[in-house]
Amino acid sequence: MIHRRHALGLLAAAGLLPSRGFANVAPQRSEVREELAKHFTDLGTVGTFVGYKVDDYLIIASDRNRSGEPKLPASTFKIPNSIIALETGVVADPDKDVFKWDGVVRSIEAWNKDHTLRSAIAVSAVPVYQEIARRIGQERMQKYVDLFEYGNRDIGGGIDQFWLTGNLRIDPVQQVDFVDRLRRGVLPVSKRSQDLVRDILPVTKVGDSIIRAKSGLLGAEAGKPQLGWMVGWAEKGGEQTVFALNMDCLEPRHIPARMALTQACLTDIGAI
């Protein structure tokens, strides 16, 4: 077994992906499949896709550059935020603890109601997760972001804004690394917290495959979408593929296309 820190040069050595820490369980192969990028250009936008086929120890990327460019995580940060909430006791039960609606009417109707952690992640309720972050607090949040080695680990810019408009940045390869550690249950937190977050992740069924994933949309809470994310993993029989996709979302039609493009890329690499 190769420790993550010993794997820093593997991707760069292949000349295909940036040099990043990765949750290695074996020496990995990596390759660029530029035909994957056509899904973005056909839609009139630009983006990137990174997939890690676990059983094959194979990392596949749609390009050499954007796959390693750090971006604000937007609502994909709800994954670590949920883990930290459970680990710190800010949320004791994802189905019973209720966050009361603050009465502020927002443009996304599904946010204008009370929520549990499970229902909040399902509709990506930003105000609920902002309240969760405030309850976690700066010190504990920084502790866990450091423990998770999450992106650049910079939570500057406001405890309830750092993943939306602040300083936090993460690239697709790092997203895959983090999500893969959650999938395997090897993050430095309790088994319970990881099990519960895996369970509340939204599920999409595609034929005999399922996709567990969290979306993100930079600027969604301000009504000015800019960048879309989709991160998670696909399960096809006993095979699993961890992935991260991001794309520029400058037109309304680009927003629902995040999952469609994710499925197209996963299909192309035989993951679903």
Protein backbone atom coordinates (compact mmCIF):
# COMPACT_ATOMS: atom_id res chain seq x y z
CA MET A 1 0.00 0.00 0.00
CA ILE A 2 1.27 3.44 -0.92
CA HIS A 3 0.58 6.29 1.44
CA ARG A 4 -1.02 9.40 -0.09
CA ARG A 5 1.99 11.59 0.64
CA HIS A 6 4.28 9.12 -1.10
CA ALA A 7 2.14 9.36 -4.21
CA LEU A 8 2.67 13.05 -4.94
CA GLY A 9 4.66 12.41 -8.05
CA LEU A 10 2.62 9.63 -9.60
CA LEU A 11 0.22 11.75 -11.60
CA ALA A 12 2.86 14.25 -12.65
CA ALA A 13 5.25 11.46 -13.58
CA ALA A 14 2.69 10.21 -16.05
CA GLY A 15 2.70 13.66 -17.61
CA LEU A 16 -1.07 13.77 -17.61
CA LEU A 17 -2.36 15.21 -14.36
CA PRO A 18 -1.01 17.68 -11.80
CA SER A 19 1.15 16.56 -8.91
CA ARG A 20 -1.33 16.16 -6.06
CA GLY A 21 -1.71 13.94 -3.05
CA PHE A 22 -4.08 11.08 -3.80
CA ALA A 23 -5.70 8.33 -1.79
CA ASN A 24 -3.57 5.57 -3.23
CA VAL A 25 -4.16 1.93 -2.57
CA ALA A 26 -1.85 0.93 -5.42
CA PRO A 27 0.32 2.63 -8.03
CA GLN A 28 -2.10 4.27 -10.41
CA ARG A 29 -2.17 4.69 -14.13
CA SER A 30 -3.51 7.91 -15.58
CA GLU A 31 -4.48 9.06 -19.01
CA VAL A 32 -6.16 11.91 -20.82
CA ARG A 33 -9.10 11.14 -23.08
CA GLU A 34 -9.66 14.34 -25.00
CA GLU A 35 -12.85 13.01 -26.58
CA LEU A 36 -14.53 13.55 -23.20
CA ALA A 37 -14.06 17.30 -23.64
CA LYS A 38 -16.39 17.17 -26.65
CA HIS A 39 -19.37 16.83 -24.30
CA PHE A 40 -18.64 20.34 -23.00
CA THR A 41 -17.96 21.95 -26.37
CA ASP A 42 -21.10 20.38 -27.85
CA LEU A 43 -23.05 22.21 -25.14
CA GLY A 44 -21.32 25.48 -25.92
CA THR A 45 -19.29 25.65 -22.72
CA VAL A 46 -15.97 24.52 -21.24
CA GLY A 47 -15.31 22.18 -18.35
CA THR A 48 -13.37 19.20 -17.10
CA PHE A 49 -14.01 15.66 -15.94
CA VAL A 50 -11.81 13.42 -13.80
CA GLY A 51 -12.73 9.83 -13.07
CA TYR A 52 -10.91 7.29 -10.88
CA LYS A 53 -11.78 3.70 -11.78
CA VAL A 54 -11.05 2.09 -8.44
CA ASP A 55 -10.66 -1.55 -9.52
CA ASP A 56 -8.39 -0.62 -12.42
CA TYR A 57 -6.33 1.93 -10.40
CA LEU A 58 -6.94 4.15 -13.43
CA ILE A 59 -7.36 7.92 -13.41
CA ILE A 60 -8.98 9.36 -16.54
CA ALA A 61 -9.15 13.08 -17.27
CA SER A 62 -10.69 15.03 -20.12
CA ASP A 63 -7.75 17.44 -20.28
CA ARG A 64 -4.31 18.23 -18.92
CA ASN A 65 -4.96 21.69 -17.49
CA ARG A 66 -8.38 22.44 -16.04
CA SER A 67 -8.38 19.11 -14.19
CA GLY A 68 -5.79 20.66 -11.88
CA GLU A 69 -7.14 24.20 -11.62
CA PRO A 70 -8.46 25.11 -8.14
CA LYS A 71 -11.95 26.60 -7.93
CA LEU A 72 -14.36 27.58 -5.16
CA PRO A 73 -16.14 24.35 -4.16
CA ALA A 74 -19.59 25.97 -3.76
CA SER A 75 -22.12 23.44 -2.47
CA THR A 76 -19.85 20.44 -2.95
CA PHE A 77 -18.48 21.65 0.41
CA LYS A 78 -21.74 20.40 1.92
CA ILE A 79 -20.08 16.97 1.96
CA PRO A 80 -17.28 17.89 4.41
CA ASN A 81 -19.58 20.37 6.17
CA SER A 82 -22.01 17.51 6.89
CA ILE A 83 -19.23 15.27 8.20
CA ILE A 84 -17.94 18.02 10.49
CA ALA A 85 -21.46 18.81 11.72
CA LEU A 86 -21.99 15.20 12.75
CA GLU A 87 -18.51 14.75 14.18
CA THR A 88 -18.77 17.86 16.38
CA GLY A 89 -22.33 17.14 17.50
CA VAL A 90 -23.71 20.27 15.83
CA VAL A 91 -26.05 17.73 14.21
CA ALA A 92 -26.79 14.65 16.31
CA ASP A 93 -29.24 12.95 13.93
CA PRO A 94 -29.52 13.79 10.20
CA ASP A 95 -33.23 12.91 10.21
CA LYS A 96 -34.41 14.32 13.53
CA ASP A 97 -32.50 17.55 14.16
CA VAL A 98 -34.50 20.37 12.56
CA PHE A 99 -33.16 23.69 11.31
CA LYS A 100 -36.02 26.17 11.38
CA TRP A 101 -36.57 28.38 8.35
CA ASP A 102 -35.48 31.93 9.19
CA GLY A 103 -38.50 33.39 7.40
CA VAL A 104 -36.47 35.03 4.65
CA VAL A 105 -38.08 34.27 1.29
CA ARG A 106 -35.41 33.25 -1.22
CA SER A 107 -35.62 32.66 -4.96
CA ILE A 108 -35.16 28.90 -4.56
CA GLU A 109 -38.52 27.79 -3.14
CA ALA A 110 -37.22 24.55 -1.63
CA TRP A 111 -35.06 26.59 0.76
CA ASN A 112 -38.07 28.38 2.27
CA LYS A 113 -38.98 25.72 4.84
CA ASP A 114 -37.63 23.82 7.83
CA HIS A 115 -34.98 21.22 7.07
CA THR A 116 -33.14 18.27 8.49
CA LEU A 117 -29.60 17.56 7.35
CA ARG A 118 -30.91 14.93 4.92
CA SER A 119 -33.50 17.20 3.35
CA ALA A 120 -31.10 20.17 3.29
CA ILE A 121 -28.42 18.33 1.32
CA ALA A 122 -31.07 16.99 -1.07
CA VAL A 123 -32.12 20.51 -2.11
CA SER A 124 -28.69 22.05 -1.45
CA ALA A 125 -30.10 24.53 1.06
CA VAL A 126 -27.34 27.10 1.43
CA PRO A 127 -28.88 28.99 4.40
CA VAL A 128 -29.06 25.77 6.47
CA TYR A 129 -25.41 24.97 5.84
CA GLN A 130 -24.40 28.53 6.58
CA GLU A 131 -26.06 28.17 9.98
CA ILE A 132 -24.32 24.83 10.48
CA ALA A 133 -20.96 26.45 9.69
CA ARG A 134 -21.63 29.25 12.17
CA ARG A 135 -22.42 26.71 14.88
CA ILE A 136 -19.27 24.74 14.08
CA GLY A 137 -17.22 27.92 14.36
CA GLN A 138 -13.92 29.03 12.89
CA GLU A 139 -11.61 27.01 15.13
CA ARG A 140 -13.30 23.65 14.73
CA MET A 141 -13.92 24.21 11.03
CA GLN A 142 -10.23 24.92 10.42
CA LYS A 143 -9.24 21.86 12.45
CA TYR A 144 -11.26 19.50 10.29
CA VAL A 145 -10.48 21.16 6.95
CA ASP A 146 -6.81 20.65 7.89
CA LEU A 147 -7.41 17.05 8.98
CA PHE A 148 -9.16 16.34 5.68
CA GLU A 149 -6.35 18.03 3.71
CA TYR A 150 -9.22 19.66 1.82
CA GLY A 151 -8.05 21.79 -1.10
CA ASN A 152 -5.93 24.77 -0.09
CA ARG A 153 -7.37 24.57 3.48
CA ASP A 154 -8.01 28.34 3.50
CA ILE A 155 -11.31 29.19 5.20
CA GLY A 156 -10.77 32.93 5.12
CA GLY A 157 -13.55 35.19 3.91
CA GLY A 158 -16.20 34.52 6.55
CA ILE A 159 -17.25 31.37 8.41
CA ASP A 160 -20.49 31.20 6.40
CA GLN A 161 -19.00 32.36 3.08
CA PHE A 162 -15.54 30.82 2.64
CA TRP A 163 -16.73 28.07 0.28
CA LEU A 164 -19.07 30.40 -1.64
CA THR A 165 -17.23 33.70 -2.06
CA GLY A 166 -14.18 33.34 0.21
CA ASN A 167 -10.72 31.86 -0.05
CA LEU A 168 -11.28 28.10 -0.18
CA ARG A 169 -10.16 26.47 -3.43
CA ILE A 170 -10.08 22.84 -4.57
CA ASP A 171 -9.30 21.25 -7.92
CA PRO A 172 -11.04 18.22 -9.47
CA VAL A 173 -8.19 15.83 -8.65
CA GLN A 174 -8.35 16.91 -5.00
CA GLN A 175 -12.12 16.49 -5.05
CA VAL A 176 -11.72 12.91 -6.26
CA ASP A 177 -9.11 12.29 -3.57
CA PHE A 178 -11.37 13.58 -0.79
CA VAL A 179 -14.50 11.79 -2.01
CA ASP A 180 -12.57 8.55 -2.44
CA ARG A 181 -11.46 8.68 1.20
CA LEU A 182 -15.09 9.19 2.26
CA ARG A 183 -16.18 6.32 0.03
CA ARG A 184 -13.61 4.04 1.68
CA GLY A 185 -14.39 5.37 5.17
CA VAL A 186 -10.78 6.34 5.90
CA LEU A 187 -11.18 10.01 6.79
CA PRO A 188 -9.79 10.83 10.28
CA VAL A 189 -13.24 10.95 11.89
CA SER A 190 -15.68 8.38 13.27
CA LYS A 191 -17.09 5.58 11.16
CA ARG A 192 -20.59 6.77 12.10
CA SER A 193 -20.12 10.26 10.67
CA GLN A 194 -18.81 8.87 7.39
CA ASP A 195 -21.51 6.21 7.15
CA LEU A 196 -24.26 8.77 7.71
CA VAL A 197 -22.93 11.21 5.11
CA ARG A 198 -22.56 8.47 2.53
CA ASP A 199 -26.19 7.57 3.29
CA ILE A 200 -27.59 11.10 2.88
CA LEU A 201 -25.80 11.83 -0.40
CA PRO A 202 -28.36 12.26 -3.19
CA VAL A 203 -28.71 9.13 -5.35
CA THR A 204 -29.46 8.97 -9.08
CA LYS A 205 -30.27 5.62 -10.69
CA VAL A 206 -29.10 4.99 -14.24
CA GLY A 207 -30.17 1.56 -15.47
CA ASP A 208 -28.55 -0.98 -13.16
CA SER A 209 -26.05 1.60 -11.88
CA ILE A 210 -26.35 4.25 -9.20
CA ILE A 211 -24.58 7.58 -8.79
CA ARG A 212 -24.07 9.11 -5.35
CA ALA A 213 -23.19 12.74 -5.91
CA LYS A 214 -23.35 16.31 -4.70
CA SER A 215 -23.80 19.21 -7.06
CA GLY A 216 -22.43 22.69 -6.64
CA LEU A 217 -23.31 25.95 -8.37
CA LEU A 218 -21.17 28.99 -7.74
CA GLY A 219 -23.34 32.08 -7.45
CA ALA A 220 -26.59 30.14 -7.01
CA GLU A 221 -27.51 31.87 -3.76
CA ALA A 222 -27.07 35.27 -5.48
CA GLY A 223 -29.00 34.26 -8.58
CA LYS A 224 -25.88 34.65 -10.73
CA PRO A 225 -24.65 31.16 -11.68
CA GLN A 226 -21.06 30.96 -12.89
CA LEU A 227 -19.53 27.55 -12.27
CA GLY A 228 -21.13 24.16 -11.80
CA TRP A 229 -19.77 21.08 -10.00
CA MET A 230 -20.76 17.46 -9.70
CA VAL A 231 -18.68 15.18 -7.45
CA GLY A 232 -19.26 11.69 -6.11
CA TRP A 233 -18.99 8.09 -7.21
CA ALA A 234 -20.78 5.65 -9.45
CA GLU A 235 -21.53 2.03 -8.59
CA LYS A 236 -21.99 -0.55 -11.35
CA GLY A 237 -22.29 -4.03 -9.91
CA GLY A 238 -19.19 -4.40 -7.76
CA GLU A 239 -17.24 -1.72 -9.62
CA GLN A 240 -16.91 1.84 -8.38
CA THR A 241 -15.69 5.01 -10.08
CA VAL A 242 -15.06 8.24 -8.18
CA PHE A 243 -15.45 11.42 -10.22
CA ALA A 244 -15.42 15.20 -10.25
CA LEU A 245 -16.79 17.44 -12.99
CA ASN A 246 -16.87 21.19 -13.23
CA MET A 247 -18.06 23.42 -16.02
CA ASP A 248 -18.82 27.04 -16.75
CA CYS A 249 -22.57 27.61 -16.26
CA LEU A 250 -23.27 30.90 -17.98
CA GLU A 251 -26.61 29.95 -19.55
CA PRO A 252 -29.70 28.51 -17.83
CA ARG A 253 -29.48 25.30 -19.89
CA HIS A 254 -26.00 24.59 -18.53
CA ILE A 255 -27.26 24.12 -14.96
CA PRO A 256 -29.29 20.90 -15.44
CA ALA A 257 -26.62 19.69 -17.87
CA ARG A 258 -24.18 19.03 -15.03
CA MET A 259 -25.66 15.61 -14.29
CA ALA A 260 -26.29 14.84 -17.96
CA LEU A 261 -22.65 15.52 -18.81
CA THR A 262 -21.50 13.55 -15.79
CA GLN A 263 -23.51 10.56 -16.97
CA ALA A 264 -22.19 10.94 -20.51
CA CYS A 265 -18.58 10.96 -19.30
CA LEU A 266 -19.18 8.02 -16.93
CA THR A 267 -20.78 6.08 -19.78
CA ASP A 268 -17.85 6.81 -22.07
CA ILE A 269 -15.36 5.38 -19.58
CA GLY A 270 -17.54 2.33 -18.83
CA ALA A 271 -18.41 3.37 -15.29
CA ILE A 272 -22.20 3.13 -15.75
